[in-house]
Amino acid sequence: MSFSIFIGFALILSAYLLGSIPTGYLAGRILKGIDIREHGSGSTGATNVLRTVGKGAAVGVLLVDMLKGMMAIALIKVTYNYVGSDVLPLGWKEWLVMIGAYWQYWVIVNLSGSTFQGGNPQP
């Protein structure tokens, strides 16, 4: 049982950290050298990237954000196949990725003056 709790915690942490990678912030910083949170709506989401950086960057952010969600879900499904489905209640994985997308750990830890907010996750 304790191994199952450890696996569940590791999955929760992994899903959150994947969701919290600030792709919109990185696109703005790498492509235009700007902090996307200081432009447009102040969000790090694909819509604000579209408005401030451009179509190509916004499509890239949207695709990478979708891939992050799919990776977290795939990680949990693979774990379920090997460990069993009692590790994490069904339905949690989607919420954990969205929580990570909204409250981005990487922005909080690495950037001063962060508002602890990323994009607006879409279910």
N, C-alpha and C. Protein backbone atom coordinates (compact mmCIF):
# COMPACT_ATOMS: atom_id res chain seq x y z
N MET A 1 0.82 -1.20 0.00
CA MET A 1 0.00 0.00 0.00
C MET A 1 0.86 1.26 0.00
N SER A 2 1.96 1.30 0.76
CA SER A 2 2.79 2.50 0.81
C SER A 2 3.45 2.77 -0.53
N PHE A 3 3.80 1.69 -1.27
CA PHE A 3 4.37 1.87 -2.61
C PHE A 3 3.33 2.50 -3.53
N SER A 4 2.09 2.11 -3.39
CA SER A 4 1.01 2.66 -4.19
C SER A 4 0.82 4.15 -3.88
N ILE A 5 0.94 4.53 -2.63
CA ILE A 5 0.83 5.94 -2.25
C ILE A 5 1.98 6.74 -2.85
N PHE A 6 3.19 6.18 -2.81
CA PHE A 6 4.35 6.85 -3.41
C PHE A 6 4.14 7.04 -4.91
N ILE A 7 3.68 6.01 -5.59
CA ILE A 7 3.43 6.10 -7.04
C ILE A 7 2.36 7.15 -7.32
N GLY A 8 1.30 7.15 -6.53
CA GLY A 8 0.25 8.15 -6.70
C GLY A 8 0.77 9.57 -6.54
N PHE A 9 1.58 9.79 -5.51
CA PHE A 9 2.16 11.11 -5.29
C PHE A 9 3.08 11.50 -6.45
N ALA A 10 3.89 10.55 -6.92
CA ALA A 10 4.80 10.83 -8.04
C ALA A 10 4.01 11.18 -9.30
N LEU A 11 2.88 10.52 -9.52
CA LEU A 11 2.05 10.83 -10.68
C LEU A 11 1.42 12.22 -10.56
N ILE A 12 0.95 12.54 -9.37
CA ILE A 12 0.37 13.86 -9.14
C ILE A 12 1.42 14.94 -9.40
N LEU A 13 2.60 14.76 -8.86
CA LEU A 13 3.67 15.74 -9.04
C LEU A 13 4.08 15.84 -10.50
N SER A 14 4.20 14.71 -11.18
CA SER A 14 4.59 14.71 -12.59
C SER A 14 3.56 15.42 -13.46
N ALA A 15 2.27 15.12 -13.25
CA ALA A 15 1.22 15.76 -14.03
C ALA A 15 1.21 17.26 -13.79
N TYR A 16 1.37 17.66 -12.54
CA TYR A 16 1.40 19.09 -12.22
C TYR A 16 2.60 19.78 -12.88
N LEU A 17 3.78 19.19 -12.75
CA LEU A 17 4.98 19.82 -13.32
C LEU A 17 4.93 19.89 -14.84
N LEU A 18 4.37 18.86 -15.49
CA LEU A 18 4.20 18.92 -16.94
C LEU A 18 3.27 20.06 -17.33
N GLY A 19 2.15 20.15 -16.64
CA GLY A 19 1.20 21.21 -16.94
C GLY A 19 1.73 22.60 -16.65
N SER A 20 2.68 22.71 -15.76
CA SER A 20 3.16 24.02 -15.35
C SER A 20 4.31 24.56 -16.20
N ILE A 21 4.76 23.83 -17.20
CA ILE A 21 5.81 24.35 -18.08
C ILE A 21 5.22 25.53 -18.85
N PRO A 22 5.79 26.73 -18.71
CA PRO A 22 5.18 27.95 -19.27
C PRO A 22 5.51 28.15 -20.75
N THR A 23 4.88 27.39 -21.62
CA THR A 23 5.21 27.45 -23.04
C THR A 23 4.96 28.84 -23.63
N GLY A 24 3.89 29.50 -23.23
CA GLY A 24 3.62 30.85 -23.74
C GLY A 24 4.68 31.84 -23.30
N TYR A 25 5.09 31.75 -22.05
CA TYR A 25 6.15 32.62 -21.55
C TYR A 25 7.45 32.37 -22.32
N LEU A 26 7.77 31.08 -22.49
CA LEU A 26 9.01 30.74 -23.20
C LEU A 26 8.97 31.22 -24.65
N ALA A 27 7.82 31.09 -25.32
CA ALA A 27 7.70 31.55 -26.70
C ALA A 27 7.94 33.06 -26.78
N GLY A 28 7.34 33.82 -25.88
CA GLY A 28 7.55 35.27 -25.88
C GLY A 28 8.99 35.64 -25.60
N ARG A 29 9.60 34.95 -24.64
CA ARG A 29 10.99 35.26 -24.26
C ARG A 29 11.96 34.87 -25.38
N ILE A 30 11.77 33.71 -25.98
CA ILE A 30 12.70 33.23 -26.99
C ILE A 30 12.51 33.94 -28.33
N LEU A 31 11.27 34.12 -28.76
CA LEU A 31 11.01 34.66 -30.10
C LEU A 31 11.06 36.18 -30.18
N LYS A 32 10.64 36.85 -29.13
CA LYS A 32 10.62 38.32 -29.17
C LYS A 32 11.41 38.97 -28.04
N GLY A 33 11.91 38.17 -27.11
CA GLY A 33 12.66 38.73 -25.99
C GLY A 33 11.80 39.51 -25.01
N ILE A 34 10.50 39.16 -24.93
CA ILE A 34 9.59 39.89 -24.05
C ILE A 34 9.04 38.97 -22.97
N ASP A 35 8.57 39.58 -21.90
CA ASP A 35 7.83 38.85 -20.88
C ASP A 35 6.36 38.98 -21.27
N ILE A 36 5.78 37.91 -21.77
CA ILE A 36 4.42 37.92 -22.31
C ILE A 36 3.40 38.39 -21.28
N ARG A 37 3.73 38.25 -20.00
CA ARG A 37 2.81 38.65 -18.94
C ARG A 37 2.68 40.16 -18.83
N GLU A 38 3.58 40.89 -19.48
CA GLU A 38 3.54 42.35 -19.46
C GLU A 38 2.87 42.92 -20.70
N HIS A 39 2.33 42.07 -21.55
CA HIS A 39 1.72 42.51 -22.81
C HIS A 39 0.34 41.89 -22.97
N GLY A 40 -0.50 42.54 -23.76
CA GLY A 40 -1.82 42.01 -24.03
C GLY A 40 -2.63 41.81 -22.76
N SER A 41 -3.19 40.61 -22.62
CA SER A 41 -4.03 40.30 -21.45
C SER A 41 -3.21 39.97 -20.21
N GLY A 42 -1.91 39.75 -20.36
CA GLY A 42 -1.06 39.38 -19.24
C GLY A 42 -1.01 37.88 -18.99
N SER A 43 -1.73 37.12 -19.79
CA SER A 43 -1.77 35.66 -19.67
C SER A 43 -0.60 35.05 -20.44
N THR A 44 -0.21 33.85 -20.05
CA THR A 44 0.84 33.15 -20.79
C THR A 44 0.25 32.14 -21.77
N GLY A 45 -1.05 32.23 -22.02
CA GLY A 45 -1.73 31.28 -22.88
C GLY A 45 -1.56 31.59 -24.37
N ALA A 46 -2.02 30.65 -25.19
CA ALA A 46 -1.87 30.74 -26.64
C ALA A 46 -2.57 31.96 -27.24
N THR A 47 -3.71 32.37 -26.67
CA THR A 47 -4.42 33.53 -27.22
C THR A 47 -3.61 34.80 -27.06
N ASN A 48 -2.99 34.99 -25.91
CA ASN A 48 -2.15 36.16 -25.72
C ASN A 48 -0.89 36.08 -26.57
N VAL A 49 -0.36 34.88 -26.75
CA VAL A 49 0.80 34.71 -27.64
C VAL A 49 0.41 35.08 -29.07
N LEU A 50 -0.79 34.70 -29.49
CA LEU A 50 -1.28 35.06 -30.83
C LEU A 50 -1.31 36.58 -30.99
N ARG A 51 -1.82 37.26 -30.01
CA ARG A 51 -1.95 38.72 -30.08
C ARG A 51 -0.61 39.44 -30.05
N THR A 52 0.34 38.91 -29.29
CA THR A 52 1.58 39.66 -29.06
C THR A 52 2.80 39.13 -29.83
N VAL A 53 2.83 37.84 -30.12
CA VAL A 53 4.00 37.26 -30.79
C VAL A 53 3.69 36.88 -32.23
N GLY A 54 2.53 36.28 -32.48
CA GLY A 54 2.15 35.92 -33.84
C GLY A 54 1.51 34.55 -33.94
N LYS A 55 1.00 34.27 -35.16
CA LYS A 55 0.25 33.02 -35.40
C LYS A 55 1.10 31.77 -35.21
N GLY A 56 2.29 31.76 -35.78
CA GLY A 56 3.15 30.57 -35.69
C GLY A 56 3.47 30.21 -34.25
N ALA A 57 3.81 31.22 -33.47
CA ALA A 57 4.13 30.98 -32.06
C ALA A 57 2.90 30.49 -31.30
N ALA A 58 1.74 31.07 -31.60
CA ALA A 58 0.51 30.66 -30.92
C ALA A 58 0.15 29.22 -31.24
N VAL A 59 0.29 28.82 -32.50
CA VAL A 59 0.01 27.43 -32.88
C VAL A 59 0.99 26.50 -32.17
N GLY A 60 2.25 26.90 -32.11
CA GLY A 60 3.26 26.10 -31.40
C GLY A 60 2.94 25.95 -29.93
N VAL A 61 2.55 27.05 -29.28
CA VAL A 61 2.19 27.01 -27.86
C VAL A 61 0.98 26.10 -27.65
N LEU A 62 -0.03 26.25 -28.50
CA LEU A 62 -1.23 25.42 -28.38
C LEU A 62 -0.90 23.94 -28.54
N LEU A 63 -0.09 23.61 -29.54
CA LEU A 63 0.27 22.20 -29.76
C LEU A 63 1.10 21.63 -28.62
N VAL A 64 2.06 22.40 -28.14
CA VAL A 64 2.90 21.92 -27.03
C VAL A 64 2.05 21.77 -25.76
N ASP A 65 1.13 22.71 -25.53
CA ASP A 65 0.26 22.59 -24.36
C ASP A 65 -0.63 21.35 -24.45
N MET A 66 -1.14 21.06 -25.64
CA MET A 66 -1.93 19.85 -25.82
C MET A 66 -1.07 18.61 -25.60
N LEU A 67 0.16 18.64 -26.11
CA LEU A 67 1.07 17.52 -25.94
C LEU A 67 1.41 17.29 -24.47
N LYS A 68 1.55 18.36 -23.69
CA LYS A 68 1.82 18.21 -22.25
C LYS A 68 0.69 17.45 -21.58
N GLY A 69 -0.54 17.80 -21.91
CA GLY A 69 -1.69 17.11 -21.34
C GLY A 69 -1.74 15.65 -21.74
N MET A 70 -1.47 15.39 -23.02
CA MET A 70 -1.47 14.00 -23.51
C MET A 70 -0.36 13.19 -22.86
N MET A 71 0.80 13.81 -22.64
CA MET A 71 1.91 13.10 -22.00
C MET A 71 1.58 12.72 -20.57
N ALA A 72 0.95 13.63 -19.83
CA ALA A 72 0.58 13.34 -18.45
C ALA A 72 -0.43 12.20 -18.39
N ILE A 73 -1.41 12.24 -19.27
CA ILE A 73 -2.43 11.19 -19.29
C ILE A 73 -1.81 9.86 -19.71
N ALA A 74 -0.92 9.89 -20.69
CA ALA A 74 -0.25 8.65 -21.12
C ALA A 74 0.62 8.07 -20.00
N LEU A 75 1.31 8.93 -19.28
CA LEU A 75 2.14 8.48 -18.15
C LEU A 75 1.28 7.76 -17.12
N ILE A 76 0.14 8.34 -16.81
CA ILE A 76 -0.74 7.73 -15.82
C ILE A 76 -1.33 6.43 -16.34
N LYS A 77 -1.71 6.39 -17.60
CA LYS A 77 -2.28 5.16 -18.17
C LYS A 77 -1.24 4.03 -18.19
N VAL A 78 -0.01 4.35 -18.55
CA VAL A 78 1.05 3.34 -18.56
C VAL A 78 1.28 2.83 -17.13
N THR A 79 1.28 3.75 -16.18
CA THR A 79 1.45 3.36 -14.78
C THR A 79 0.31 2.46 -14.33
N TYR A 80 -0.92 2.80 -14.71
CA TYR A 80 -2.08 1.96 -14.38
C TYR A 80 -1.90 0.55 -14.92
N ASN A 81 -1.36 0.42 -16.12
CA ASN A 81 -1.17 -0.90 -16.72
C ASN A 81 -0.17 -1.75 -15.94
N TYR A 82 0.85 -1.12 -15.37
CA TYR A 82 1.88 -1.87 -14.67
C TYR A 82 1.62 -2.02 -13.17
N VAL A 83 1.04 -1.00 -12.55
CA VAL A 83 0.87 -1.00 -11.10
C VAL A 83 -0.55 -1.36 -10.70
N GLY A 84 -1.51 -0.92 -11.45
CA GLY A 84 -2.91 -1.12 -11.13
C GLY A 84 -3.64 0.20 -11.06
N SER A 85 -4.94 0.14 -11.17
CA SER A 85 -5.72 1.36 -11.28
C SER A 85 -6.08 1.98 -9.94
N ASP A 86 -5.66 1.38 -8.83
CA ASP A 86 -5.99 1.94 -7.53
C ASP A 86 -5.01 3.03 -7.08
N VAL A 87 -4.06 3.38 -7.95
CA VAL A 87 -3.04 4.36 -7.59
C VAL A 87 -3.61 5.77 -7.49
N LEU A 88 -4.45 6.14 -8.42
CA LEU A 88 -4.98 7.50 -8.49
C LEU A 88 -6.41 7.42 -8.98
N PRO A 89 -7.33 8.09 -8.32
CA PRO A 89 -8.73 8.03 -8.77
C PRO A 89 -8.87 8.53 -10.20
N LEU A 90 -9.73 7.90 -10.97
CA LEU A 90 -9.96 8.33 -12.35
C LEU A 90 -10.52 9.75 -12.36
N GLY A 91 -10.09 10.52 -13.33
CA GLY A 91 -10.54 11.91 -13.43
C GLY A 91 -9.57 12.91 -12.83
N TRP A 92 -8.70 12.47 -11.96
CA TRP A 92 -7.74 13.39 -11.33
C TRP A 92 -6.69 13.88 -12.30
N LYS A 93 -6.25 13.02 -13.20
CA LYS A 93 -5.13 13.38 -14.08
C LYS A 93 -5.43 14.63 -14.90
N GLU A 94 -6.65 14.74 -15.42
CA GLU A 94 -7.00 15.90 -16.23
C GLU A 94 -6.98 17.17 -15.38
N TRP A 95 -7.51 17.09 -14.19
CA TRP A 95 -7.54 18.25 -13.30
C TRP A 95 -6.14 18.66 -12.88
N LEU A 96 -5.26 17.71 -12.65
CA LEU A 96 -3.90 18.04 -12.22
C LEU A 96 -3.13 18.77 -13.30
N VAL A 97 -3.30 18.36 -14.55
CA VAL A 97 -2.62 19.05 -15.65
C VAL A 97 -3.16 20.47 -15.77
N MET A 98 -4.48 20.63 -15.64
CA MET A 98 -5.06 21.98 -15.75
C MET A 98 -4.63 22.86 -14.59
N ILE A 99 -4.52 22.29 -13.40
CA ILE A 99 -4.03 23.06 -12.25
C ILE A 99 -2.61 23.52 -12.50
N GLY A 100 -1.78 22.63 -13.04
CA GLY A 100 -0.40 23.00 -13.37
C GLY A 100 -0.34 24.07 -14.44
N ALA A 101 -1.26 24.04 -15.40
CA ALA A 101 -1.28 25.05 -16.45
C ALA A 101 -1.66 26.42 -15.90
N TYR A 102 -2.52 26.45 -14.90
CA TYR A 102 -2.97 27.72 -14.36
C TYR A 102 -2.01 28.28 -13.30
N TRP A 103 -1.57 27.45 -12.38
CA TRP A 103 -0.62 27.87 -11.35
C TRP A 103 0.74 27.26 -11.68
N GLN A 104 1.52 27.97 -12.47
CA GLN A 104 2.75 27.43 -13.03
C GLN A 104 3.93 27.51 -12.07
N TYR A 105 4.37 26.35 -11.64
CA TYR A 105 5.50 26.25 -10.71
C TYR A 105 6.76 26.90 -11.29
N TRP A 106 7.06 26.64 -12.56
CA TRP A 106 8.30 27.12 -13.17
C TRP A 106 8.34 28.64 -13.21
N VAL A 107 7.21 29.27 -13.42
CA VAL A 107 7.16 30.73 -13.42
C VAL A 107 7.35 31.26 -12.01
N ILE A 108 6.76 30.59 -11.04
CA ILE A 108 6.85 31.04 -9.65
C ILE A 108 8.27 30.94 -9.13
N VAL A 109 8.92 29.82 -9.38
CA VAL A 109 10.24 29.57 -8.81
C VAL A 109 11.33 30.36 -9.51
N ASN A 110 11.26 30.47 -10.83
CA ASN A 110 12.38 31.02 -11.59
C ASN A 110 12.27 32.51 -11.92
N LEU A 111 11.12 33.10 -11.72
CA LEU A 111 10.94 34.48 -12.14
C LEU A 111 10.50 35.34 -10.97
N SER A 112 11.18 36.43 -10.77
CA SER A 112 10.77 37.32 -9.68
C SER A 112 9.55 38.11 -10.08
N GLY A 113 8.74 38.45 -9.12
CA GLY A 113 7.55 39.26 -9.38
C GLY A 113 6.43 38.50 -10.05
N SER A 114 6.46 37.18 -10.04
CA SER A 114 5.41 36.40 -10.67
C SER A 114 4.09 36.53 -9.92
N THR A 115 3.00 36.46 -10.66
CA THR A 115 1.68 36.52 -10.05
C THR A 115 1.12 35.13 -9.81
N PHE A 116 1.91 34.07 -10.01
CA PHE A 116 1.49 32.70 -9.76
C PHE A 116 0.32 32.31 -10.67
N GLN A 117 0.31 32.89 -11.89
CA GLN A 117 -0.78 32.58 -12.80
C GLN A 117 -0.23 32.41 -14.20
N GLY A 118 -0.71 31.37 -14.87
CA GLY A 118 -0.30 31.13 -16.25
C GLY A 118 -1.45 31.40 -17.19
N GLY A 119 -1.68 30.46 -18.10
CA GLY A 119 -2.78 30.59 -19.04
C GLY A 119 -4.09 30.18 -18.39
N ASN A 120 -5.13 30.18 -19.19
CA ASN A 120 -6.44 29.75 -18.71
C ASN A 120 -6.74 28.39 -19.30
N PRO A 121 -6.63 27.33 -18.51
CA PRO A 121 -6.80 25.97 -19.04
C PRO A 121 -8.21 25.75 -19.57
N GLN A 122 -8.30 25.07 -20.68
CA GLN A 122 -9.59 24.78 -21.29
C GLN A 122 -9.88 23.29 -21.15
N PRO A 123 -10.98 22.93 -20.50
CA PRO A 123 -11.29 21.50 -20.30
C PRO A 123 -11.63 20.80 -21.60
